[in-house]
N, C-alpha and C. Protein backbone atom coordinates (compact mmCIF):
# COMPACT_ATOMS: atom_id res chain seq x y z
N UNK A 1 0.84 -1.17 0.00
CA UNK A 1 0.00 0.00 0.00
C UNK A 1 0.89 1.25 0.00
N UNK A 2 0.50 2.23 -0.74
CA UNK A 2 1.31 3.45 -0.91
C UNK A 2 0.65 4.66 -0.26
N UNK A 3 1.49 5.66 0.00
CA UNK A 3 1.00 6.88 0.67
C UNK A 3 -0.16 7.51 -0.08
N UNK A 4 -0.12 7.47 -1.41
CA UNK A 4 -1.18 8.11 -2.19
C UNK A 4 -2.54 7.46 -1.97
N UNK A 5 -2.56 6.21 -1.48
CA UNK A 5 -3.82 5.52 -1.23
C UNK A 5 -4.46 5.94 0.09
N UNK A 6 -3.68 6.50 0.99
CA UNK A 6 -4.21 6.83 2.31
C UNK A 6 -4.17 8.32 2.63
N UNK A 7 -3.47 9.10 1.82
CA UNK A 7 -3.30 10.52 2.13
C UNK A 7 -4.61 11.27 2.02
N UNK A 8 -4.68 12.36 2.78
CA UNK A 8 -5.80 13.28 2.68
C UNK A 8 -5.47 14.36 1.66
N UNK A 9 -6.40 14.64 0.76
CA UNK A 9 -6.20 15.66 -0.26
C UNK A 9 -7.58 16.19 -0.66
N UNK A 10 -7.72 17.44 -1.06
CA UNK A 10 -6.65 18.45 -1.14
C UNK A 10 -6.17 18.86 0.25
N UNK A 11 -5.03 19.52 0.29
CA UNK A 11 -4.37 19.84 1.54
C UNK A 11 -4.70 21.26 1.99
N UNK A 12 -4.95 21.40 3.28
CA UNK A 12 -5.10 22.72 3.88
C UNK A 12 -3.70 23.19 4.24
N UNK A 13 -3.29 24.33 3.71
CA UNK A 13 -1.94 24.84 3.93
C UNK A 13 -1.98 26.30 4.37
N UNK A 14 -0.82 26.77 4.82
CA UNK A 14 -0.64 28.19 5.11
C UNK A 14 0.62 28.67 4.41
N UNK A 15 0.74 29.99 4.29
CA UNK A 15 1.92 30.61 3.70
C UNK A 15 2.81 31.19 4.81
N UNK A 16 4.07 31.37 4.53
CA UNK A 16 4.96 31.91 5.56
C UNK A 16 4.52 33.26 6.12
N UNK A 17 3.90 34.10 5.29
CA UNK A 17 3.50 35.43 5.74
C UNK A 17 2.09 35.47 6.32
N UNK A 18 1.41 34.32 6.40
CA UNK A 18 0.12 34.28 7.08
C UNK A 18 0.32 34.53 8.57
N UNK A 19 -0.70 35.05 9.20
CA UNK A 19 -0.63 35.29 10.63
C UNK A 19 -0.73 34.00 11.44
N UNK A 20 -0.09 34.03 12.60
CA UNK A 20 -0.16 32.88 13.50
C UNK A 20 -1.62 32.60 13.88
N UNK A 21 -2.40 33.65 14.04
CA UNK A 21 -3.81 33.47 14.40
C UNK A 21 -4.56 32.71 13.31
N UNK A 22 -4.28 33.00 12.04
CA UNK A 22 -4.94 32.26 10.95
C UNK A 22 -4.58 30.79 11.01
N UNK A 23 -3.31 30.48 11.25
CA UNK A 23 -2.90 29.08 11.35
C UNK A 23 -3.63 28.40 12.51
N UNK A 24 -3.74 29.11 13.65
CA UNK A 24 -4.45 28.55 14.80
C UNK A 24 -5.92 28.29 14.48
N UNK A 25 -6.53 29.22 13.75
CA UNK A 25 -7.95 29.05 13.37
C UNK A 25 -8.13 27.82 12.48
N UNK A 26 -7.22 27.61 11.52
CA UNK A 26 -7.32 26.46 10.63
C UNK A 26 -7.13 25.15 11.39
N UNK A 27 -6.15 25.11 12.28
CA UNK A 27 -5.93 23.90 13.08
C UNK A 27 -7.16 23.59 13.92
N UNK A 28 -7.71 24.62 14.54
CA UNK A 28 -8.87 24.43 15.41
C UNK A 28 -10.09 24.00 14.62
N UNK A 29 -10.34 24.65 13.49
CA UNK A 29 -11.54 24.37 12.70
C UNK A 29 -11.54 22.96 12.13
N UNK A 30 -10.37 22.50 11.66
CA UNK A 30 -10.29 21.20 11.00
C UNK A 30 -9.88 20.05 11.92
N UNK A 31 -9.50 20.37 13.15
CA UNK A 31 -9.06 19.32 14.06
C UNK A 31 -7.70 18.75 13.72
N UNK A 32 -6.86 19.54 13.04
CA UNK A 32 -5.52 19.10 12.67
C UNK A 32 -4.54 19.37 13.81
N UNK A 33 -3.38 18.72 13.72
CA UNK A 33 -2.31 18.99 14.68
C UNK A 33 -1.15 19.73 14.02
N UNK A 34 -1.14 19.79 12.69
CA UNK A 34 -0.05 20.45 11.97
C UNK A 34 -0.54 20.86 10.59
N UNK A 35 0.12 21.85 10.01
CA UNK A 35 -0.19 22.32 8.66
C UNK A 35 1.10 22.47 7.86
N UNK A 36 1.10 22.03 6.60
CA UNK A 36 2.25 22.33 5.74
C UNK A 36 2.29 23.82 5.43
N UNK A 37 3.48 24.35 5.37
CA UNK A 37 3.68 25.75 4.97
C UNK A 37 4.26 25.72 3.56
N UNK A 38 3.59 26.42 2.64
CA UNK A 38 4.00 26.39 1.23
C UNK A 38 4.23 27.80 0.71
N UNK A 39 5.05 27.88 -0.34
CA UNK A 39 5.28 29.18 -0.97
C UNK A 39 4.21 29.41 -2.04
N UNK A 40 4.38 30.45 -2.84
CA UNK A 40 3.36 30.80 -3.84
C UNK A 40 3.22 29.76 -4.95
N UNK A 41 4.20 28.85 -5.08
CA UNK A 41 4.13 27.78 -6.07
C UNK A 41 3.73 26.44 -5.46
N UNK A 42 3.20 26.51 -4.22
CA UNK A 42 2.79 25.30 -3.49
C UNK A 42 3.94 24.37 -3.17
N UNK A 43 5.15 24.90 -3.13
CA UNK A 43 6.30 24.09 -2.74
C UNK A 43 6.44 24.12 -1.23
N UNK A 44 6.73 22.96 -0.65
CA UNK A 44 6.84 22.83 0.79
C UNK A 44 8.06 23.58 1.31
N UNK A 45 7.84 24.45 2.29
CA UNK A 45 8.97 25.19 2.89
C UNK A 45 9.06 24.97 4.39
N UNK A 46 8.05 24.34 4.99
CA UNK A 46 8.09 24.10 6.43
C UNK A 46 6.80 23.48 6.92
N UNK A 47 6.74 23.29 8.25
CA UNK A 47 5.54 22.80 8.92
C UNK A 47 5.28 23.68 10.13
N UNK A 48 4.02 23.89 10.43
CA UNK A 48 3.67 24.60 11.66
C UNK A 48 2.74 23.69 12.46
N UNK A 49 3.10 23.45 13.71
CA UNK A 49 2.37 22.52 14.56
C UNK A 49 1.66 23.26 15.69
N UNK A 50 0.82 22.53 16.39
CA UNK A 50 0.17 23.10 17.57
C UNK A 50 1.22 23.62 18.55
N UNK A 51 2.26 22.82 18.75
CA UNK A 51 3.30 23.24 19.70
C UNK A 51 3.98 24.52 19.26
N UNK A 52 4.23 24.66 17.95
CA UNK A 52 4.84 25.89 17.44
C UNK A 52 3.98 27.11 17.76
N UNK A 53 2.67 26.93 17.67
CA UNK A 53 1.75 28.05 17.85
C UNK A 53 1.58 28.46 19.31
N UNK A 54 1.57 27.49 20.21
CA UNK A 54 1.30 27.82 21.61
C UNK A 54 2.54 28.22 22.39
N UNK A 55 3.72 27.95 21.82
CA UNK A 55 4.96 28.25 22.54
C UNK A 55 5.07 29.75 22.80
N UNK A 56 5.17 30.12 24.08
CA UNK A 56 5.39 31.50 24.53
C UNK A 56 4.31 32.47 24.03
N UNK A 57 3.09 31.98 23.86
CA UNK A 57 2.03 32.87 23.37
C UNK A 57 1.06 33.29 24.46
N UNK A 58 1.21 32.74 25.63
CA UNK A 58 0.28 33.07 26.71
C UNK A 58 1.01 33.85 27.79
N UNK A 59 0.60 35.11 28.00
CA UNK A 59 1.26 35.92 29.03
C UNK A 59 0.96 35.38 30.43
N UNK A 60 1.90 35.60 31.32
CA UNK A 60 1.69 35.17 32.70
C UNK A 60 0.53 35.94 33.30
N UNK A 61 -0.21 35.29 34.16
CA UNK A 61 -1.32 35.93 34.87
C UNK A 61 -0.78 37.18 35.58
N UNK A 62 -1.36 38.35 35.29
CA UNK A 62 -0.81 39.59 35.85
C UNK A 62 -0.82 39.62 37.38
N UNK A 63 -1.66 38.81 37.98
CA UNK A 63 -1.71 38.79 39.45
C UNK A 63 -0.51 38.08 40.06
N UNK A 64 0.18 37.28 39.22
CA UNK A 64 1.30 36.49 39.74
C UNK A 64 2.58 36.72 38.95
N UNK A 65 2.68 37.84 38.26
CA UNK A 65 3.87 38.11 37.47
C UNK A 65 5.09 38.29 38.35
N UNK A 66 6.22 37.88 37.77
CA UNK A 66 7.51 38.11 38.44
C UNK A 66 8.25 39.18 37.66
N UNK A 67 9.33 39.63 38.21
CA UNK A 67 10.13 40.64 37.52
C UNK A 67 10.61 40.13 36.17
N UNK A 68 10.87 38.80 36.09
CA UNK A 68 11.37 38.22 34.84
C UNK A 68 10.31 38.25 33.73
N UNK A 69 9.04 38.15 34.14
CA UNK A 69 8.00 38.10 33.11
C UNK A 69 7.54 39.48 32.68
N UNK A 70 7.89 40.52 33.42
CA UNK A 70 7.56 41.88 33.01
C UNK A 70 8.44 42.29 31.83
N UNK A 71 7.84 42.97 30.90
CA UNK A 71 8.60 43.44 29.74
C UNK A 71 8.97 42.34 28.77
N UNK A 72 8.25 41.20 28.79
CA UNK A 72 8.53 40.13 27.85
C UNK A 72 8.26 40.62 26.43
N UNK A 73 9.07 40.19 25.46
CA UNK A 73 8.86 40.66 24.09
C UNK A 73 7.53 40.17 23.52
N UNK A 74 7.05 40.93 22.57
CA UNK A 74 5.80 40.54 21.88
C UNK A 74 6.05 39.24 21.13
N UNK A 75 5.12 38.27 21.21
CA UNK A 75 5.34 36.99 20.53
C UNK A 75 5.28 37.16 19.01
N UNK A 76 5.90 36.24 18.28
CA UNK A 76 5.90 36.30 16.82
C UNK A 76 4.47 36.32 16.27
N UNK A 77 4.29 37.06 15.18
CA UNK A 77 2.95 37.17 14.60
C UNK A 77 2.78 36.45 13.28
N UNK A 78 3.88 36.04 12.65
CA UNK A 78 3.81 35.40 11.33
C UNK A 78 4.22 33.93 11.41
N UNK A 79 3.63 33.14 10.53
CA UNK A 79 3.94 31.71 10.49
C UNK A 79 5.42 31.48 10.27
N UNK A 80 6.07 32.28 9.42
CA UNK A 80 7.49 32.07 9.13
C UNK A 80 8.36 32.19 10.36
N UNK A 81 7.87 32.89 11.38
CA UNK A 81 8.65 33.08 12.60
C UNK A 81 8.55 31.90 13.57
N UNK A 82 7.55 31.05 13.37
CA UNK A 82 7.35 29.94 14.31
C UNK A 82 7.45 28.57 13.66
N UNK A 83 7.42 28.50 12.33
CA UNK A 83 7.38 27.21 11.64
C UNK A 83 8.69 26.45 11.80
N UNK A 84 8.58 25.12 11.62
CA UNK A 84 9.74 24.24 11.62
C UNK A 84 10.20 24.06 10.19
N UNK A 85 11.48 24.27 9.96
CA UNK A 85 12.02 24.11 8.61
C UNK A 85 13.45 23.57 8.71
N UNK A 86 13.88 22.73 7.79
CA UNK A 86 13.10 22.18 6.67
C UNK A 86 12.09 21.15 7.17
N UNK A 87 11.08 20.92 6.36
CA UNK A 87 10.05 19.93 6.70
C UNK A 87 10.44 18.56 6.14
N UNK A 88 10.09 17.53 6.88
CA UNK A 88 10.29 16.16 6.41
C UNK A 88 9.07 15.77 5.59
N UNK A 89 9.28 15.36 4.36
CA UNK A 89 8.18 14.96 3.48
C UNK A 89 8.52 13.63 2.83
N UNK A 90 7.50 12.98 2.27
CA UNK A 90 7.69 11.73 1.56
C UNK A 90 6.93 11.77 0.25
N UNK A 91 7.35 10.94 -0.68
CA UNK A 91 6.71 10.88 -1.98
C UNK A 91 5.42 10.09 -1.95
N UNK A 92 4.58 10.34 -2.96
CA UNK A 92 3.28 9.67 -3.04
C UNK A 92 3.42 8.16 -3.16
N UNK A 93 4.55 7.69 -3.68
CA UNK A 93 4.76 6.25 -3.84
C UNK A 93 5.40 5.57 -2.65
N UNK A 94 5.59 6.29 -1.56
CA UNK A 94 6.22 5.71 -0.37
C UNK A 94 5.35 4.60 0.21
N UNK A 95 5.99 3.49 0.56
CA UNK A 95 5.29 2.38 1.20
C UNK A 95 4.73 2.85 2.54
N UNK A 96 3.46 2.53 2.82
CA UNK A 96 2.84 2.96 4.07
C UNK A 96 3.57 2.39 5.28
N UNK A 97 4.18 1.22 5.14
CA UNK A 97 4.94 0.64 6.26
C UNK A 97 6.12 1.55 6.62
N UNK A 98 6.80 2.09 5.62
CA UNK A 98 7.91 3.02 5.86
C UNK A 98 7.39 4.31 6.47
N UNK A 99 6.29 4.80 5.94
CA UNK A 99 5.68 6.03 6.43
C UNK A 99 5.28 5.89 7.91
N UNK A 100 4.62 4.80 8.25
CA UNK A 100 4.18 4.58 9.63
C UNK A 100 5.37 4.45 10.57
N UNK A 101 6.39 3.74 10.13
CA UNK A 101 7.59 3.57 10.98
C UNK A 101 8.25 4.91 11.24
N UNK A 102 8.33 5.74 10.20
CA UNK A 102 8.94 7.06 10.36
C UNK A 102 8.12 7.93 11.32
N UNK A 103 6.80 7.87 11.19
CA UNK A 103 5.95 8.67 12.06
C UNK A 103 6.12 8.25 13.52
N UNK A 104 6.21 6.95 13.76
CA UNK A 104 6.37 6.47 15.14
C UNK A 104 7.77 6.78 15.66
N UNK A 105 8.79 6.43 14.87
CA UNK A 105 10.17 6.60 15.33
C UNK A 105 10.52 8.08 15.56
N UNK A 106 10.03 8.95 14.68
CA UNK A 106 10.35 10.39 14.78
C UNK A 106 9.29 11.19 15.53
N UNK A 107 8.28 10.47 16.03
CA UNK A 107 7.19 11.11 16.78
C UNK A 107 6.52 12.23 15.99
N UNK A 108 6.21 11.91 14.74
CA UNK A 108 5.53 12.87 13.87
C UNK A 108 4.06 12.52 13.80
N UNK A 109 3.22 13.52 13.90
CA UNK A 109 1.78 13.30 13.81
C UNK A 109 1.26 13.50 12.40
N UNK A 110 2.05 14.17 11.57
CA UNK A 110 1.60 14.52 10.22
C UNK A 110 2.82 14.57 9.30
N UNK A 111 2.71 13.92 8.15
CA UNK A 111 3.79 13.95 7.16
C UNK A 111 3.22 14.44 5.83
N UNK A 112 3.77 15.52 5.27
CA UNK A 112 3.32 15.98 3.96
C UNK A 112 3.75 14.98 2.88
N UNK A 113 2.91 14.83 1.88
CA UNK A 113 3.21 13.97 0.74
C UNK A 113 3.43 14.90 -0.46
N UNK A 114 4.55 14.70 -1.13
CA UNK A 114 4.93 15.62 -2.20
C UNK A 114 5.11 14.89 -3.52
N UNK A 115 4.92 15.67 -4.58
CA UNK A 115 5.28 15.25 -5.92
C UNK A 115 6.31 16.27 -6.38
N UNK A 116 7.57 15.85 -6.46
CA UNK A 116 8.65 16.83 -6.62
C UNK A 116 8.77 17.57 -5.32
N UNK A 117 8.55 18.88 -5.34
CA UNK A 117 8.54 19.66 -4.10
C UNK A 117 7.17 20.22 -3.80
N UNK A 118 6.17 19.88 -4.63
CA UNK A 118 4.81 20.39 -4.43
C UNK A 118 4.01 19.46 -3.52
N UNK A 119 3.32 20.04 -2.58
CA UNK A 119 2.51 19.27 -1.65
C UNK A 119 1.24 18.80 -2.35
N UNK A 120 1.00 17.47 -2.30
CA UNK A 120 -0.20 16.91 -2.94
C UNK A 120 -1.13 16.24 -1.92
N UNK A 121 -0.66 16.09 -0.69
CA UNK A 121 -1.48 15.46 0.34
C UNK A 121 -0.76 15.44 1.67
N UNK A 122 -1.42 14.94 2.68
CA UNK A 122 -0.79 14.72 3.98
C UNK A 122 -1.29 13.38 4.51
N UNK A 123 -0.45 12.74 5.30
CA UNK A 123 -0.87 11.54 6.03
C UNK A 123 -0.67 11.84 7.50
N UNK A 124 -1.72 11.60 8.27
CA UNK A 124 -1.67 11.80 9.70
C UNK A 124 -1.78 10.45 10.41
N UNK A 125 -1.48 10.46 11.70
CA UNK A 125 -1.68 9.24 12.47
C UNK A 125 -3.15 8.83 12.42
N UNK A 126 -4.03 9.80 12.40
CA UNK A 126 -5.46 9.51 12.34
C UNK A 126 -5.81 8.76 11.06
N UNK A 127 -5.17 9.13 9.94
CA UNK A 127 -5.40 8.42 8.68
C UNK A 127 -5.02 6.95 8.81
N UNK A 128 -3.89 6.68 9.49
CA UNK A 128 -3.43 5.31 9.65
C UNK A 128 -4.34 4.53 10.60
N UNK A 129 -4.78 5.18 11.67
CA UNK A 129 -5.70 4.53 12.61
C UNK A 129 -7.03 4.22 11.92
N UNK A 130 -7.47 5.11 11.03
CA UNK A 130 -8.72 4.89 10.29
C UNK A 130 -8.61 3.60 9.45
N UNK A 131 -7.43 3.34 8.89
CA UNK A 131 -7.24 2.10 8.14
C UNK A 131 -7.39 0.88 9.04
N UNK A 132 -6.80 0.98 10.23
CA UNK A 132 -6.87 -0.15 11.17
C UNK A 132 -8.30 -0.42 11.61
N UNK A 133 -9.12 0.62 11.62
CA UNK A 133 -10.51 0.48 12.06
C UNK A 133 -11.45 0.04 10.94
N UNK A 134 -10.94 -0.09 9.74
CA UNK A 134 -11.80 -0.45 8.60
C UNK A 134 -12.45 -1.81 8.84
N UNK A 135 -13.78 -1.94 8.61
CA UNK A 135 -14.47 -3.20 8.86
C UNK A 135 -13.91 -4.36 8.03
N UNK A 136 -13.83 -5.52 8.68
CA UNK A 136 -13.31 -6.71 8.00
C UNK A 136 -14.11 -7.06 6.75
N UNK A 137 -15.42 -6.83 6.79
CA UNK A 137 -16.27 -7.17 5.63
C UNK A 137 -15.88 -6.32 4.41
N UNK A 138 -15.57 -5.04 4.64
CA UNK A 138 -15.14 -4.17 3.54
C UNK A 138 -13.80 -4.63 2.99
N UNK A 139 -12.90 -4.98 3.89
CA UNK A 139 -11.58 -5.46 3.47
C UNK A 139 -11.73 -6.72 2.64
N UNK A 140 -12.54 -7.66 3.11
CA UNK A 140 -12.74 -8.93 2.39
C UNK A 140 -13.29 -8.67 0.98
N UNK A 141 -14.26 -7.76 0.88
CA UNK A 141 -14.85 -7.47 -0.43
C UNK A 141 -13.80 -6.88 -1.38
N UNK A 142 -12.95 -5.99 -0.88
CA UNK A 142 -11.91 -5.40 -1.72
C UNK A 142 -10.87 -6.42 -2.15
N UNK A 143 -10.47 -7.28 -1.21
CA UNK A 143 -9.48 -8.32 -1.55
C UNK A 143 -10.06 -9.25 -2.60
N UNK A 144 -11.30 -9.68 -2.39
CA UNK A 144 -11.93 -10.59 -3.34
C UNK A 144 -12.06 -9.96 -4.72
N UNK A 145 -12.38 -8.66 -4.76
CA UNK A 145 -12.48 -7.94 -6.03
C UNK A 145 -11.14 -7.98 -6.77
N UNK A 146 -10.05 -7.74 -6.05
CA UNK A 146 -8.73 -7.76 -6.69
C UNK A 146 -8.36 -9.16 -7.17
N UNK A 147 -8.71 -10.16 -6.38
CA UNK A 147 -8.32 -11.52 -6.75
C UNK A 147 -9.18 -12.09 -7.88
N UNK A 148 -10.38 -11.54 -8.08
CA UNK A 148 -11.21 -11.99 -9.21
C UNK A 148 -10.51 -11.68 -10.53
N UNK A 149 -9.78 -10.57 -10.56
CA UNK A 149 -9.04 -10.22 -11.78
C UNK A 149 -7.82 -11.10 -11.97
N UNK A 150 -7.46 -11.82 -10.92
CA UNK A 150 -6.31 -12.73 -10.99
C UNK A 150 -6.80 -14.13 -10.63
N UNK A 151 -7.09 -14.92 -11.62
CA UNK A 151 -7.52 -16.28 -11.37
C UNK A 151 -8.98 -16.54 -11.62
N UNK A 152 -9.75 -15.48 -11.83
CA UNK A 152 -11.16 -15.66 -12.16
C UNK A 152 -12.07 -15.73 -10.95
N UNK A 153 -13.36 -15.54 -11.21
CA UNK A 153 -14.36 -15.57 -10.15
C UNK A 153 -14.48 -16.98 -9.58
N UNK A 154 -14.59 -17.07 -8.28
CA UNK A 154 -14.81 -18.36 -7.62
C UNK A 154 -13.56 -19.13 -7.28
N UNK A 155 -12.41 -18.67 -7.75
CA UNK A 155 -11.20 -19.44 -7.45
C UNK A 155 -10.77 -19.26 -5.99
N UNK A 156 -10.89 -18.04 -5.47
CA UNK A 156 -10.34 -17.73 -4.15
C UNK A 156 -11.43 -17.59 -3.10
N UNK A 157 -11.15 -18.10 -1.90
CA UNK A 157 -12.01 -17.85 -0.74
C UNK A 157 -11.22 -16.98 0.23
N UNK A 158 -11.92 -16.02 0.82
CA UNK A 158 -11.26 -15.03 1.67
C UNK A 158 -11.88 -15.04 3.07
N UNK A 159 -11.03 -15.03 4.08
CA UNK A 159 -11.49 -14.83 5.46
C UNK A 159 -10.65 -13.71 6.05
N UNK A 160 -11.30 -12.79 6.76
CA UNK A 160 -10.59 -11.66 7.36
C UNK A 160 -10.94 -11.59 8.83
N UNK A 161 -9.92 -11.48 9.67
CA UNK A 161 -10.11 -11.37 11.12
C UNK A 161 -9.17 -10.30 11.65
N UNK A 162 -9.74 -9.17 12.06
CA UNK A 162 -8.91 -8.09 12.59
C UNK A 162 -7.95 -7.52 11.56
N UNK A 163 -8.33 -7.54 10.30
CA UNK A 163 -7.47 -7.04 9.24
C UNK A 163 -6.49 -8.07 8.69
N UNK A 164 -6.40 -9.24 9.33
CA UNK A 164 -5.53 -10.32 8.85
C UNK A 164 -6.32 -11.18 7.86
N UNK A 165 -5.76 -11.35 6.68
CA UNK A 165 -6.46 -12.03 5.59
C UNK A 165 -5.90 -13.44 5.38
N UNK A 166 -6.80 -14.41 5.31
CA UNK A 166 -6.42 -15.76 4.94
C UNK A 166 -7.06 -16.08 3.59
N UNK A 167 -6.21 -16.49 2.64
CA UNK A 167 -6.65 -16.77 1.27
C UNK A 167 -6.58 -18.27 1.04
N UNK A 168 -7.67 -18.83 0.53
CA UNK A 168 -7.70 -20.25 0.21
C UNK A 168 -7.92 -20.40 -1.29
N UNK A 169 -7.04 -21.15 -1.93
CA UNK A 169 -7.13 -21.39 -3.37
C UNK A 169 -7.95 -22.65 -3.60
N UNK A 170 -8.98 -22.56 -4.43
CA UNK A 170 -9.84 -23.73 -4.71
C UNK A 170 -9.16 -24.73 -5.65
N UNK A 171 -8.09 -24.28 -6.31
CA UNK A 171 -7.38 -25.20 -7.21
C UNK A 171 -6.51 -26.14 -6.38
N UNK A 172 -6.40 -27.36 -6.85
CA UNK A 172 -5.47 -28.30 -6.23
C UNK A 172 -4.04 -27.84 -6.51
N UNK A 173 -3.11 -28.14 -5.60
CA UNK A 173 -1.72 -27.68 -5.79
C UNK A 173 -1.11 -28.06 -7.13
N UNK A 174 -1.50 -29.22 -7.68
CA UNK A 174 -0.92 -29.64 -8.96
C UNK A 174 -1.58 -28.95 -10.16
N UNK A 175 -2.60 -28.12 -9.89
CA UNK A 175 -3.30 -27.44 -10.98
C UNK A 175 -2.91 -25.97 -11.13
N UNK A 176 -2.06 -25.48 -10.25
CA UNK A 176 -1.73 -24.06 -10.33
C UNK A 176 -0.23 -23.84 -10.28
N UNK A 177 0.16 -22.71 -10.81
CA UNK A 177 1.55 -22.29 -10.78
C UNK A 177 1.92 -21.96 -9.33
N UNK A 178 3.09 -22.37 -8.85
CA UNK A 178 3.48 -22.10 -7.46
C UNK A 178 3.52 -20.62 -7.10
N UNK A 179 3.66 -19.77 -8.11
CA UNK A 179 3.73 -18.33 -7.81
C UNK A 179 2.35 -17.70 -7.61
N UNK A 180 1.27 -18.44 -7.94
CA UNK A 180 -0.07 -17.88 -7.82
C UNK A 180 -0.38 -17.42 -6.39
N UNK A 181 -0.02 -18.25 -5.43
CA UNK A 181 -0.27 -17.90 -4.03
C UNK A 181 0.48 -16.65 -3.62
N UNK A 182 1.71 -16.54 -4.09
CA UNK A 182 2.51 -15.35 -3.77
C UNK A 182 1.87 -14.10 -4.35
N UNK A 183 1.44 -14.17 -5.59
CA UNK A 183 0.80 -13.02 -6.23
C UNK A 183 -0.49 -12.65 -5.50
N UNK A 184 -1.27 -13.65 -5.11
CA UNK A 184 -2.53 -13.40 -4.40
C UNK A 184 -2.24 -12.69 -3.07
N UNK A 185 -1.20 -13.12 -2.37
CA UNK A 185 -0.86 -12.49 -1.09
C UNK A 185 -0.44 -11.04 -1.29
N UNK A 186 0.39 -10.80 -2.31
CA UNK A 186 0.85 -9.43 -2.60
C UNK A 186 -0.33 -8.53 -2.95
N UNK A 187 -1.26 -9.03 -3.75
CA UNK A 187 -2.45 -8.24 -4.11
C UNK A 187 -3.29 -7.92 -2.87
N UNK A 188 -3.43 -8.89 -1.99
CA UNK A 188 -4.21 -8.68 -0.77
C UNK A 188 -3.55 -7.65 0.14
N UNK A 189 -2.24 -7.71 0.27
CA UNK A 189 -1.55 -6.79 1.17
C UNK A 189 -1.58 -5.35 0.68
N UNK A 190 -1.93 -5.14 -0.58
CA UNK A 190 -2.03 -3.79 -1.12
C UNK A 190 -3.39 -3.15 -0.83
N UNK A 191 -4.31 -3.90 -0.24
CA UNK A 191 -5.65 -3.38 0.06
C UNK A 191 -5.60 -2.60 1.37
N UNK A 192 -6.13 -1.38 1.38
CA UNK A 192 -6.15 -0.58 2.61
C UNK A 192 -6.86 -1.31 3.75
N UNK A 193 -6.20 -1.34 4.91
CA UNK A 193 -6.77 -2.00 6.09
C UNK A 193 -6.22 -3.38 6.34
N UNK A 194 -5.53 -3.99 5.35
CA UNK A 194 -4.94 -5.31 5.54
C UNK A 194 -3.65 -5.17 6.35
N UNK A 195 -3.58 -5.91 7.46
CA UNK A 195 -2.37 -5.86 8.30
C UNK A 195 -1.45 -7.05 8.04
N UNK A 196 -2.02 -8.12 7.45
CA UNK A 196 -1.25 -9.33 7.16
C UNK A 196 -2.06 -10.17 6.19
N UNK A 197 -1.37 -10.89 5.32
CA UNK A 197 -2.08 -11.80 4.41
C UNK A 197 -1.28 -13.07 4.27
N UNK A 198 -1.98 -14.19 4.21
CA UNK A 198 -1.33 -15.48 4.00
C UNK A 198 -2.23 -16.38 3.19
N UNK A 199 -1.60 -17.33 2.51
CA UNK A 199 -2.35 -18.29 1.71
C UNK A 199 -2.40 -19.59 2.48
N UNK A 200 -3.59 -20.07 2.75
CA UNK A 200 -3.76 -21.30 3.52
C UNK A 200 -3.33 -22.52 2.70
N UNK A 201 -2.82 -23.50 3.40
CA UNK A 201 -2.45 -24.76 2.76
C UNK A 201 -1.14 -24.64 2.08
């Protein structure tokens, strides 16, 4: 499965010269945790996250101010002043397994998906969790649809449990090419929501 199959598009973005308040409004309205920052040609130049926006933006309660908090500088007003750059992005053809591993290992909640340097989508942790929550019946129907094009209708039986797919070939072992099972497994694993696939017998 590839990033382009799970990414959200079109992408909500901000520009470097947009106000921090606009970025906060977009994050709040859409329930996002981060936004890609793009230039006038939609090329990725950075990311702005919830943490970037809230850092040093709340003045101390005036009733409890200390001498150190008096005269604090005015917080940044533009996205370019708070964004993280350079941004880590991945191509639309990136394997979702690589994408998920990177998100977990680097503690990223959102990864922009690019074609060249232009942002074409984003993948969030929520997008990946949505795949895991996909009903087994939907997964089975999609797997069966793909396998009908390979081997014909009625050849394959599919069972799905928790996203794990078991494929049973109705042909006797001496009636099929040994690579058929491998191809069937590869086709099944490309279906969104499949966590594992195996051929029984």
